[in-house]
Amino acid sequence: MARPLASFHLVVTIAVLLTVLGLVMVLSSSSVEAVASDGSAYGLFTSQVIFAILGFVVFYIALQVPVRMLRRLSFPALAATVVMLALVLIPGIGTESQGTRGWFVIAGISIQPSELAKIAFAVWGAHLLATRRGEHSTLKDMLVPLIPAALLVTILIVLQPDLGTTVSLAIIVLALLWFAGLPLRVFLGIVGTATALAVVLALTAGYRSARVRAFLNPGEDPQGIGYQARQAKFSLADGGIWGRGLGQSRAKWSYLPNAHNDFIFAIIGEELGFLGGVAVIGLFGLFAYVGLRIAMRSVDPFLRLLTATATTWIIGQAFINIGYVVGLLPVTGLQLPLVSAGGTSTATTLLMFGLIANAARHEPEAIAALHAGQDGRFGRLLRLRKPEAYLPIRAAATRAPGPRRGSAPARGRAERDTKARAADRRTGRTRAANDTQRGTGRTAEDRTAKGRTANDRTANGGRRSNAARRSNGDGRDRRTGERGNRR
C-alpha cells in the first residue's frame, strides 16, 4: 500500500520514453531519404509526430473509458475492422505499397486497418473468454466463435498479403487461449497447427520463401534478398559499445533499406552503441514485468486477460523485430513498437498502453488509494475519473445452475442427485413408519395404564361402600360396636 499507483506510473513512463526515443530515431534515420524525396528532412518526422500526438489522445481516452463500455463496444469495433479489412482489398479503395494492399489514404494520411483489427480482436477475445469462464464452461465455449473469427481476420490479412500482421494476430490468439486456461494438450495442438500453417505460408509466396532462404543461407545472395539483413549486422558492428553518436549513422545514407522502419534498431545500435540497444531492451523487459504484474493483481477477469494478452503481444513483436535485426530470426516485417516509423502502429500501440494503464488503476490497492484522495498530481492534472471496484455477479447465489445437455459429467451429477433424492424419500418413509409404530405402542400402554387406574378406583370405591354399610351414623361398626379410625 506504500505505492499503490506504481504500476500505473511505470506504464506511463515507459510509454513516454519509448515514444520520445522513437521520434528522435525516426528523425535521425529518415532525414537523408526525406531530403532526397521531398526536399525537407522533416517530412516523415512531422507525420510521425502527428500520429504520436493522436496516439496520446487515444491513450488518454483509454484511461478514461469505463470497463463496461469497453466490453460493450468490443464486438461492434471488431465488426467494423472486419469490414475495413474487406474494403481495403478492393482496387481503387485500398492503396498498395511495397507489394501489400493494406492502407487507406485519406487526405494524405495513411491508415492501416489491420493494426486496428489486432486491438479490436484482443479486446473482443478477452471479453468473450471472460464472459464464458466458470466451472460449467466447455472446450467448445472457449474455441467457438474465437477461432472462426480469428481465421476470418487472418484470411483477410493474408490476402493483402501482410506476414508481419499475421504473426502478430497469431500471438494475440495464442496468448488469449493460454491465459484463459486452455488445456495444455489442446494448446500444443493449436500451436502445432499454427506452425504448420506458417511454414506453408512461408513457402508458398515467392518473397516469403526468399526471406527464409536468406535466413538459412545468408551468403547465398548477399547483394539481393540477403542485402538488408547483412547491412543491419554491419550497422550494429559499427556502433560498438558506445556508438558513433546521435545522427552520425552511415547506414542511413541509403546503405540500409527501411532504416527508419523495420530496421530502426540497427540505427539505434550504430548511433547509441551496445549500451543504447541494451537500454531499449531493458525498457521492454521492464514493461513485460509491469504488464504481467498488473494482470496478476487484477481481480476483473476481463482486465486480467486483456492486460496479459496485450503485454505478450507487444513484447512478442519487439522480440521478433530485434531478433531478425540481429540475425536470430528470418525477416518478417514486424515493427519495433513505439520506436519504428509508422503512424497507425504508433497510435494503436499507445492505445494499448492506455488500456493497460487503465487496468493498473483498477488494482484493488489503487482503487482504495484513489477513493481515499491519493491520486497524486498527475491524476489531478489530467482530471482522471476514479475507477469503479469490480463486483462479480454470482449466478449461483440467486439460482442453482442447471446441468448442461450432452455433457457426461453433468448427466452423472444429475443421476447422483436423483438417487440421493430417492434415498432421502425412502429414509423419510422408514422414519415415519418407525414413528407410527412407536406412537401405536405408546397409545396401547396409555390405554392399559388408564384401565388399571379405573380398576383401582372401582376397588377402592367398593371397599369404601362396604365399610359405610357396616358402620352406624356415629362411626361405630354395626357388628362389633367399636369406633373405627377415619382415614
Protein backbone atom coordinates (compact mmCIF):
# COMPACT_ATOMS: atom_id res chain seq x y z
CA MET A 1 0.00 0.00 0.00
CA ALA A 2 3.02 2.32 0.16
CA ARG A 3 2.93 2.93 -3.62
CA PRO A 4 -0.41 1.63 -4.88
CA LEU A 5 -0.11 3.52 -8.21
CA ALA A 6 3.44 2.38 -9.01
CA SER A 7 2.28 0.16 -11.89
CA PHE A 8 0.29 3.00 -13.45
CA HIS A 9 3.20 5.43 -13.25
CA LEU A 10 5.63 2.88 -14.70
CA VAL A 11 3.38 2.18 -17.70
CA VAL A 12 3.01 5.90 -18.44
CA THR A 13 6.76 6.47 -18.06
CA ILE A 14 7.71 3.59 -20.35
CA ALA A 15 5.22 4.74 -23.00
CA VAL A 16 6.60 8.29 -22.95
CA LEU A 17 10.25 7.18 -23.04
CA LEU A 18 9.76 4.75 -25.95
CA THR A 19 7.71 7.30 -27.92
CA VAL A 20 10.27 10.09 -27.45
CA LEU A 21 13.11 7.73 -28.35
CA GLY A 22 11.18 6.66 -31.44
CA LEU A 23 10.63 10.25 -32.59
CA VAL A 24 14.32 11.09 -32.17
CA MET A 25 15.46 7.97 -34.02
CA VAL A 26 12.91 8.42 -36.81
CA LEU A 27 14.18 11.95 -37.38
CA SER A 28 17.78 10.73 -37.41
CA SER A 29 17.25 7.70 -39.66
CA SER A 30 14.78 9.21 -42.16
CA SER A 31 16.29 12.65 -42.70
CA VAL A 32 18.50 11.65 -45.64
CA GLU A 33 15.79 9.88 -47.61
CA ALA A 34 13.28 12.63 -46.75
CA VAL A 35 15.59 15.29 -48.22
CA ALA A 36 16.10 13.20 -51.36
CA SER A 37 12.38 12.63 -51.91
CA ASP A 38 10.65 15.74 -50.51
CA GLY A 39 13.39 18.29 -50.16
CA SER A 40 12.87 18.52 -46.40
CA ALA A 41 14.45 16.47 -43.65
CA TYR A 42 11.31 16.73 -41.50
CA GLY A 43 8.68 15.24 -43.83
CA LEU A 44 8.39 11.75 -42.32
CA PHE A 45 9.22 13.07 -38.86
CA THR A 46 6.29 15.51 -38.99
CA SER A 47 3.88 12.73 -39.91
CA GLN A 48 5.22 10.62 -37.05
CA VAL A 49 4.77 13.50 -34.60
CA ILE A 50 1.15 13.96 -35.69
CA PHE A 51 0.37 10.29 -35.13
CA ALA A 52 2.21 10.33 -31.80
CA ILE A 53 0.02 13.24 -30.64
CA LEU A 54 -3.05 11.35 -31.86
CA GLY A 55 -1.75 8.31 -30.00
CA PHE A 56 -1.50 10.20 -26.71
CA VAL A 57 -5.06 11.47 -27.25
CA VAL A 58 -6.36 7.92 -27.60
CA PHE A 59 -4.10 6.96 -24.66
CA TYR A 60 -5.99 9.49 -22.53
CA ILE A 61 -9.35 8.27 -23.84
CA ALA A 62 -8.39 4.68 -23.00
CA LEU A 63 -7.55 5.84 -19.47
CA GLN A 64 -10.99 7.39 -19.07
CA VAL A 65 -13.24 4.79 -20.70
CA PRO A 66 -15.20 2.61 -18.23
CA VAL A 67 -14.60 -1.10 -18.38
CA ARG A 68 -18.27 -1.88 -19.01
CA MET A 69 -18.39 0.44 -22.01
CA LEU A 70 -15.17 -1.06 -23.37
CA ARG A 71 -16.66 -4.54 -23.21
CA ARG A 72 -19.93 -3.36 -24.72
CA LEU A 73 -18.19 -1.80 -27.73
CA SER A 74 -15.76 -4.66 -28.36
CA PHE A 75 -17.89 -6.60 -30.85
CA PRO A 76 -19.06 -3.57 -32.90
CA ALA A 77 -15.42 -2.46 -33.15
CA LEU A 78 -14.35 -5.91 -34.36
CA ALA A 79 -17.15 -5.99 -36.93
CA ALA A 80 -16.15 -2.54 -38.20
CA THR A 81 -12.49 -3.56 -38.62
CA VAL A 82 -13.50 -6.73 -40.49
CA VAL A 83 -15.48 -4.58 -42.93
CA MET A 84 -12.44 -2.29 -43.33
CA LEU A 85 -10.19 -5.29 -44.00
CA ALA A 86 -12.56 -6.40 -46.75
CA LEU A 87 -12.79 -2.92 -48.28
CA VAL A 88 -9.04 -2.37 -48.36
CA LEU A 89 -8.66 -5.33 -50.73
CA ILE A 90 -10.78 -3.61 -53.40
CA PRO A 91 -8.65 -1.80 -56.02
CA GLY A 92 -9.39 1.89 -56.01
CA ILE A 93 -10.30 1.87 -52.32
CA GLY A 94 -7.22 0.30 -50.77
CA THR A 95 -3.73 1.56 -51.58
CA GLU A 96 -0.85 -0.77 -52.42
CA SER A 97 2.61 -0.11 -51.02
CA GLN A 98 5.66 -2.40 -51.16
CA GLY A 99 3.57 -5.24 -52.54
CA THR A 100 0.87 -5.04 -49.85
CA ARG A 101 -2.61 -3.63 -50.36
CA GLY A 102 -3.32 -2.71 -46.76
CA TRP A 103 -3.76 1.07 -46.43
CA PHE A 104 -6.46 3.69 -46.76
CA VAL A 105 -5.13 7.09 -47.82
CA ILE A 106 -7.40 9.86 -46.56
CA ALA A 107 -6.31 13.49 -47.05
CA GLY A 108 -2.73 12.36 -47.46
CA ILE A 109 -2.75 10.33 -44.23
CA SER A 110 -2.30 6.56 -44.42
CA ILE A 111 -4.39 4.34 -42.16
CA GLN A 112 -3.70 0.62 -41.82
CA PRO A 113 -6.89 -1.24 -40.80
CA SER A 114 -5.00 -4.42 -39.87
CA GLU A 115 -3.46 -2.60 -36.89
CA LEU A 116 -6.93 -1.62 -35.72
CA ALA A 117 -8.13 -5.20 -36.22
CA LYS A 118 -5.47 -6.55 -33.85
CA ILE A 119 -6.63 -4.31 -30.99
CA ALA A 120 -10.32 -4.95 -31.65
CA PHE A 121 -9.75 -8.70 -31.71
CA ALA A 122 -7.72 -8.63 -28.48
CA VAL A 123 -10.42 -6.67 -26.62
CA TRP A 124 -13.29 -8.75 -28.00
CA GLY A 125 -11.47 -12.04 -27.34
CA ALA A 126 -10.78 -11.06 -23.72
CA HIS A 127 -14.43 -10.08 -23.28
CA LEU A 128 -15.66 -13.34 -24.82
CA LEU A 129 -13.44 -15.61 -22.73
CA ALA A 130 -14.08 -13.66 -19.53
CA THR A 131 -17.83 -13.96 -20.10
CA ARG A 132 -17.70 -17.72 -20.71
CA ARG A 133 -15.48 -18.59 -17.77
CA GLY A 134 -16.74 -20.82 -14.96
CA GLU A 135 -16.97 -24.40 -13.81
CA HIS A 136 -19.53 -25.36 -16.46
CA SER A 137 -17.64 -23.92 -19.46
CA THR A 138 -16.64 -26.48 -22.06
CA LEU A 139 -13.85 -26.60 -24.61
CA LYS A 140 -16.32 -25.62 -27.31
CA ASP A 141 -17.23 -22.47 -25.38
CA MET A 142 -13.57 -21.39 -25.38
CA LEU A 143 -12.86 -22.12 -29.04
CA VAL A 144 -16.13 -21.07 -30.69
CA PRO A 145 -16.54 -18.38 -32.01
CA LEU A 146 -13.00 -17.22 -31.13
CA ILE A 147 -11.13 -19.48 -33.57
CA PRO A 148 -13.55 -18.95 -36.52
CA ALA A 149 -13.31 -15.17 -36.06
CA ALA A 150 -9.52 -15.40 -35.90
CA LEU A 151 -9.46 -17.43 -39.12
CA LEU A 152 -11.65 -14.86 -40.88
CA VAL A 153 -9.40 -11.95 -39.86
CA THR A 154 -6.28 -13.95 -40.72
CA ILE A 155 -7.53 -14.79 -44.22
CA LEU A 156 -8.32 -11.14 -44.92
CA ILE A 157 -4.83 -10.11 -43.78
CA VAL A 158 -3.09 -12.88 -45.74
CA LEU A 159 -4.88 -11.73 -48.91
CA GLN A 160 -3.18 -8.33 -48.67
CA PRO A 161 -0.58 -10.02 -48.09
CA ASP A 162 0.96 -8.98 -44.74
CA LEU A 163 3.05 -11.63 -43.00
CA GLY A 164 4.04 -9.44 -40.04
CA THR A 165 0.48 -8.61 -39.03
CA THR A 166 -0.48 -12.27 -39.45
CA VAL A 167 2.24 -13.24 -36.97
CA SER A 168 1.04 -10.56 -34.53
CA LEU A 169 -2.55 -11.84 -34.74
CA ALA A 170 -1.34 -15.38 -34.08
CA ILE A 171 0.46 -14.17 -30.95
CA ILE A 172 -2.74 -12.49 -29.73
CA VAL A 173 -4.87 -15.61 -30.28
CA LEU A 174 -2.39 -17.92 -28.56
CA ALA A 175 -1.99 -15.51 -25.63
CA LEU A 176 -5.77 -15.32 -25.16
CA LEU A 177 -6.13 -19.09 -25.12
CA TRP A 178 -3.14 -19.62 -22.83
CA PHE A 179 -4.15 -17.10 -20.19
CA ALA A 180 -7.78 -18.25 -20.38
CA GLY A 181 -6.69 -21.69 -19.15
CA LEU A 182 -6.94 -23.81 -22.28
CA PRO A 183 -5.83 -27.42 -21.58
CA LEU A 184 -2.15 -27.88 -22.38
CA ARG A 185 -2.72 -30.73 -24.82
CA VAL A 186 -5.21 -28.73 -26.86
CA PHE A 187 -2.99 -25.64 -26.70
CA LEU A 188 0.01 -27.56 -28.03
CA GLY A 189 -2.15 -28.94 -30.81
CA ILE A 190 -3.20 -25.43 -31.83
CA VAL A 191 0.43 -24.24 -31.69
CA GLY A 192 1.48 -27.13 -33.92
CA THR A 193 -1.29 -26.36 -36.40
CA ALA A 194 -0.37 -22.65 -36.44
CA THR A 195 3.29 -23.53 -37.00
CA ALA A 196 2.41 -25.81 -39.91
CA LEU A 197 0.28 -23.08 -41.49
CA ALA A 198 3.11 -20.57 -41.02
CA VAL A 199 5.51 -22.90 -42.80
CA VAL A 200 3.05 -23.32 -45.66
CA LEU A 201 2.59 -19.56 -45.95
CA ALA A 202 6.35 -19.02 -45.85
CA LEU A 203 6.95 -21.46 -48.69
CA THR A 204 4.02 -20.60 -50.97
CA ALA A 205 4.75 -16.92 -51.68
CA GLY A 206 7.94 -16.01 -53.52
CA TYR A 207 9.09 -13.14 -51.32
CA ARG A 208 8.42 -15.08 -48.12
CA SER A 209 10.30 -18.17 -49.26
CA ALA A 210 13.18 -15.93 -50.36
CA ARG A 211 13.40 -14.48 -46.86
CA VAL A 212 13.53 -17.96 -45.34
CA ARG A 213 16.28 -18.98 -47.76
CA ALA A 214 18.24 -15.82 -46.94
CA PHE A 215 17.98 -16.63 -43.25
CA LEU A 216 19.10 -20.24 -43.67
CA ASN A 217 21.90 -19.32 -46.07
CA PRO A 218 22.90 -15.65 -45.61
CA GLY A 219 25.76 -15.82 -48.12
CA GLU A 220 23.66 -17.17 -50.99
CA ASP A 221 22.57 -13.76 -52.31
CA PRO A 222 24.39 -11.01 -50.35
CA GLN A 223 23.52 -8.30 -52.88
CA GLY A 224 19.92 -9.41 -53.34
CA ILE A 225 17.45 -10.78 -50.81
CA GLY A 226 20.11 -11.03 -48.07
CA TYR A 227 21.36 -7.49 -48.52
CA GLN A 228 19.13 -5.83 -45.90
CA ALA A 229 19.89 -8.30 -43.09
CA ARG A 230 23.60 -8.16 -43.94
CA GLN A 231 23.73 -4.35 -43.79
CA ALA A 232 21.91 -4.38 -40.46
CA LYS A 233 24.65 -6.51 -38.94
CA PHE A 234 27.29 -4.14 -40.33
CA SER A 235 25.49 -1.19 -38.68
CA LEU A 236 25.43 -2.92 -35.31
CA ALA A 237 29.13 -3.74 -35.64
CA ASP A 238 29.99 -0.11 -36.47
CA GLY A 239 28.30 1.09 -33.30
CA GLY A 240 30.48 -0.83 -30.92
CA ILE A 241 29.97 -0.26 -27.20
CA TRP A 242 29.39 3.49 -27.11
CA GLY A 243 28.06 4.15 -30.61
CA ARG A 244 29.05 6.65 -33.29
CA GLY A 245 26.89 9.40 -31.81
CA LEU A 246 23.33 10.57 -32.35
CA GLY A 247 22.74 11.46 -36.00
CA GLN A 248 26.12 10.05 -37.14
CA SER A 249 24.90 6.84 -38.74
CA ARG A 250 26.40 5.82 -42.06
CA ALA A 251 23.86 3.12 -42.89
CA LYS A 252 21.04 5.67 -43.27
CA TRP A 253 22.78 7.08 -46.35
CA SER A 254 20.90 4.55 -48.50
CA TYR A 255 23.05 1.64 -47.35
CA LEU A 256 20.31 0.12 -45.22
CA PRO A 257 16.81 -0.03 -46.76
CA ASN A 258 13.90 0.82 -44.43
CA ALA A 259 16.31 2.14 -41.83
CA HIS A 260 13.55 4.24 -40.24
CA ASN A 261 11.03 1.43 -40.08
CA ASP A 262 11.72 -2.30 -39.80
CA PHE A 263 15.47 -1.94 -39.13
CA ILE A 264 15.50 1.09 -36.86
CA PHE A 265 17.06 -0.99 -34.08
CA ALA A 266 20.17 -1.30 -36.27
CA ILE A 267 20.40 2.51 -36.39
CA ILE A 268 19.99 2.64 -32.60
CA GLY A 269 22.85 0.18 -32.21
CA GLU A 270 25.01 2.13 -34.62
CA GLU A 271 24.42 5.61 -33.16
CA LEU A 272 23.92 4.74 -29.49
CA GLY A 273 26.04 1.61 -29.39
CA PHE A 274 25.60 -1.58 -27.43
CA LEU A 275 24.54 0.38 -24.35
CA GLY A 276 21.73 2.08 -26.27
CA GLY A 277 20.48 -1.26 -27.57
CA VAL A 278 20.57 -2.75 -24.07
CA ALA A 279 18.63 0.26 -22.74
CA VAL A 280 15.87 -0.28 -25.31
CA ILE A 281 15.69 -3.99 -24.47
CA GLY A 282 15.64 -3.09 -20.77
CA LEU A 283 12.63 -0.80 -21.29
CA PHE A 284 10.70 -3.58 -22.99
CA GLY A 285 11.77 -6.02 -20.27
CA LEU A 286 10.53 -3.63 -17.58
CA PHE A 287 7.25 -3.27 -19.46
CA ALA A 288 6.89 -7.06 -19.57
CA TYR A 289 7.32 -7.24 -15.80
CA VAL A 290 4.90 -4.40 -15.10
CA GLY A 291 2.26 -5.68 -17.53
CA LEU A 292 2.22 -9.19 -16.10
CA ARG A 293 2.26 -7.73 -12.58
CA ILE A 294 -0.87 -5.74 -13.39
CA ALA A 295 -2.51 -8.86 -14.83
CA MET A 296 -1.75 -10.86 -11.69
CA ARG A 297 -3.14 -8.15 -9.41
CA SER A 298 -6.34 -7.58 -11.39
CA VAL A 299 -9.47 -9.14 -9.91
CA ASP A 300 -11.54 -8.47 -13.04
CA PRO A 301 -11.07 -11.49 -15.36
CA PHE A 302 -11.58 -9.31 -18.43
CA LEU A 303 -8.82 -6.87 -17.43
CA ARG A 304 -6.60 -9.78 -16.44
CA LEU A 305 -6.94 -11.42 -19.84
CA LEU A 306 -6.65 -8.17 -21.79
CA THR A 307 -3.56 -6.95 -19.92
CA ALA A 308 -1.70 -10.25 -20.17
CA THR A 309 -2.56 -10.60 -23.86
CA ALA A 310 -1.58 -7.02 -24.76
CA THR A 311 1.70 -7.35 -22.86
CA THR A 312 2.54 -10.62 -24.60
CA TRP A 313 1.67 -9.16 -27.99
CA ILE A 314 3.84 -6.03 -27.59
CA ILE A 315 6.78 -7.92 -26.10
CA GLY A 316 6.50 -10.69 -28.72
CA GLN A 317 6.52 -8.14 -31.53
CA ALA A 318 9.55 -6.37 -30.06
CA PHE A 319 11.38 -9.69 -29.63
CA ILE A 320 10.70 -10.70 -33.24
CA ASN A 321 11.83 -7.33 -34.60
CA ILE A 322 15.06 -7.27 -32.61
CA GLY A 323 15.57 -10.97 -33.39
CA TYR A 324 15.57 -10.57 -37.16
CA VAL A 325 17.69 -7.37 -36.98
CA VAL A 326 20.46 -9.20 -35.12
CA GLY A 327 20.08 -12.30 -37.33
CA LEU A 328 18.35 -14.72 -34.95
CA LEU A 329 15.08 -14.89 -36.93
CA PRO A 330 14.05 -14.52 -40.57
CA VAL A 331 12.81 -11.10 -41.65
CA THR A 332 9.05 -10.76 -41.11
CA GLY A 333 8.45 -7.01 -41.42
CA LEU A 334 7.20 -6.52 -37.85
CA GLN A 335 7.91 -3.05 -36.47
CA LEU A 336 9.52 -2.18 -33.17
CA PRO A 337 6.59 -0.91 -31.05
CA LEU A 338 6.57 2.88 -30.48
CA VAL A 339 10.05 3.21 -31.99
CA SER A 340 9.73 2.33 -35.67
CA ALA A 341 8.19 4.81 -38.10
CA GLY A 342 4.53 4.02 -38.76
CA GLY A 343 1.68 6.29 -37.80
CA THR A 344 -1.12 3.77 -37.35
CA SER A 345 1.14 1.36 -35.49
CA THR A 346 2.29 4.08 -33.08
CA ALA A 347 -1.26 5.31 -32.38
CA THR A 348 -2.67 1.81 -31.84
CA THR A 349 0.23 0.79 -29.60
CA LEU A 350 -0.31 3.87 -27.45
CA LEU A 351 -3.99 2.90 -27.28
CA MET A 352 -2.99 -0.48 -25.89
CA PHE A 353 -0.65 1.20 -23.39
CA GLY A 354 -3.60 3.34 -22.31
CA LEU A 355 -5.76 0.27 -21.74
CA ILE A 356 -3.00 -1.35 -19.69
CA ALA A 357 -2.62 1.85 -17.64
CA ASN A 358 -6.40 1.84 -17.11
CA ALA A 359 -6.14 -1.73 -15.81
CA ALA A 360 -3.35 -0.61 -13.46
CA ARG A 361 -5.72 1.94 -11.93
CA HIS A 362 -8.24 -0.87 -11.34
CA GLU A 363 -5.95 -2.81 -9.00
CA PRO A 364 -7.65 -3.18 -5.58
CA GLU A 365 -4.94 -1.19 -3.79
CA ALA A 366 -5.04 1.53 -6.45
CA ILE A 367 -8.84 1.83 -6.22
CA ALA A 368 -8.65 2.18 -2.43
CA ALA A 369 -5.93 4.83 -2.69
CA LEU A 370 -7.76 6.81 -5.39
CA HIS A 371 -11.02 6.85 -3.47
CA ALA A 372 -9.07 7.96 -0.41
CA GLY A 373 -7.83 11.01 -2.33
CA GLN A 374 -4.31 9.76 -3.09
CA ASP A 375 -4.50 10.32 -6.85
CA GLY A 376 -1.36 12.48 -6.94
CA ARG A 377 -0.50 15.49 -9.07
CA PHE A 378 -0.59 13.60 -12.36
CA GLY A 379 -4.12 12.33 -11.80
CA ARG A 380 -5.37 15.72 -10.67
CA LEU A 381 -3.72 17.41 -13.64
CA LEU A 382 -5.38 15.10 -16.15
CA ARG A 383 -8.66 15.01 -14.20
CA LEU A 384 -8.80 11.25 -14.41
CA ARG A 385 -12.03 9.61 -13.31
CA LYS A 386 -11.92 7.34 -10.28
CA PRO A 387 -12.20 3.67 -11.26
CA GLU A 388 -15.04 1.51 -10.04
CA ALA A 389 -14.38 -1.60 -7.98
CA TYR A 390 -15.06 -4.93 -9.66
CA LEU A 391 -18.24 -6.58 -8.35
CA PRO A 392 -18.62 -10.12 -9.73
CA ILE A 393 -22.17 -11.29 -10.40
CA ARG A 394 -22.52 -14.74 -8.94
CA ALA A 395 -25.41 -16.56 -10.56
CA ALA A 396 -25.06 -19.39 -8.07
CA ALA A 397 -26.14 -17.08 -5.27
CA THR A 398 -29.52 -16.41 -6.91
CA ARG A 399 -30.30 -19.69 -8.61
CA ALA A 400 -28.66 -23.08 -8.97
CA PRO A 401 -27.24 -23.63 -12.47
CA GLY A 402 -28.87 -26.42 -14.42
CA PRO A 403 -26.87 -29.25 -15.92
CA ARG A 404 -25.70 -28.89 -19.50
CA ARG A 405 -27.20 -31.09 -22.12
CA GLY A 406 -24.87 -33.51 -23.77
CA SER A 407 -22.28 -33.26 -21.01
CA ALA A 408 -21.27 -36.56 -19.45
CA PRO A 409 -20.20 -35.05 -16.10
CA ALA A 410 -23.49 -33.14 -15.97
CA ARG A 411 -25.50 -36.30 -16.62
CA GLY A 412 -23.53 -38.12 -13.93
CA ARG A 413 -24.23 -35.35 -11.44
CA ALA A 414 -27.95 -35.41 -12.35
CA GLU A 415 -28.14 -39.17 -11.84
CA ARG A 416 -26.39 -38.91 -8.48
CA ASP A 417 -28.78 -36.16 -7.41
CA THR A 418 -31.81 -38.26 -8.44
CA LYS A 419 -30.54 -41.27 -6.49
CA ALA A 420 -29.84 -39.12 -3.45
CA ARG A 421 -33.36 -37.68 -3.52
CA ALA A 422 -34.86 -41.19 -3.85
CA ALA A 423 -32.77 -42.38 -0.90
CA ASP A 424 -33.94 -39.40 1.11
CA ARG A 425 -37.56 -40.25 0.34
CA ARG A 426 -37.04 -43.89 1.37
CA THR A 427 -35.32 -42.79 4.56
CA GLY A 428 -38.20 -40.41 5.28
CA ARG A 429 -40.80 -43.15 4.82
CA THR A 430 -38.84 -45.50 7.10
CA ARG A 431 -38.61 -42.87 9.78
CA ALA A 432 -42.33 -42.15 9.52
CA ALA A 433 -43.16 -45.88 9.87
CA ASN A 434 -40.93 -46.18 12.93
CA ASP A 435 -42.53 -43.13 14.47
CA THR A 436 -46.00 -44.59 13.79
CA GLN A 437 -45.05 -47.88 15.42
CA ARG A 438 -43.61 -46.14 18.44
CA GLY A 439 -46.70 -43.95 18.65
CA THR A 440 -49.03 -47.00 18.48
CA GLY A 441 -47.08 -48.76 21.23
CA ARG A 442 -47.26 -45.71 23.45
CA THR A 443 -51.04 -45.45 22.87
CA ALA A 444 -51.61 -49.08 23.91
CA GLU A 445 -49.52 -48.59 27.01
CA ASP A 446 -51.53 -45.47 27.86
CA ARG A 447 -54.81 -47.35 27.45
CA THR A 448 -53.54 -50.18 29.70
CA ALA A 449 -52.47 -47.70 32.35
CA LYS A 450 -55.83 -45.95 32.21
CA GLY A 451 -57.60 -49.34 32.61
CA ARG A 452 -55.53 -50.15 35.67
CA THR A 453 -56.35 -46.77 37.21
CA ALA A 454 -60.09 -47.31 36.62
CA ASN A 455 -59.94 -50.77 38.25
CA ASP A 456 -58.13 -49.35 41.24
CA ARG A 457 -60.73 -46.63 41.59
CA THR A 458 -63.53 -49.23 41.37
CA ALA A 459 -61.91 -51.46 44.02
CA ASN A 460 -61.38 -48.55 46.40
CA GLY A 461 -64.94 -47.41 45.91
CA GLY A 462 -66.24 -50.94 46.74
CA ARG A 463 -64.21 -51.10 49.88
CA ARG A 464 -65.48 -47.70 50.99
CA SER A 465 -69.09 -48.74 50.34
CA ASN A 466 -68.80 -51.95 52.44
CA ALA A 467 -67.26 -50.01 55.29
CA ALA A 468 -70.08 -47.46 55.18
CA ARG A 469 -72.71 -50.19 55.33
CA ARG A 470 -71.06 -51.82 58.34
CA SER A 471 -70.79 -48.55 60.30
CA ASN A 472 -73.54 -46.61 62.16
CA GLY A 473 -74.12 -42.90 61.86
CA ASP A 474 -71.75 -42.22 64.77
CA GLY A 475 -68.95 -44.08 63.13
CA ARG A 476 -69.27 -47.36 65.10
CA ASP A 477 -69.13 -50.71 63.42
CA ARG A 478 -72.51 -52.40 63.40
CA ARG A 479 -71.03 -55.89 64.01
CA THR A 480 -68.55 -55.07 66.76
CA GLY A 481 -69.85 -51.75 68.12
CA GLU A 482 -66.33 -50.24 68.00
CA ARG A 483 -65.50 -46.77 66.60
CA GLY A 484 -63.30 -47.03 63.63
CA ASN A 485 -60.39 -44.77 62.70
CA ARG A 486 -61.14 -42.38 59.86
CA ARG A 487 -58.60 -42.00 57.25
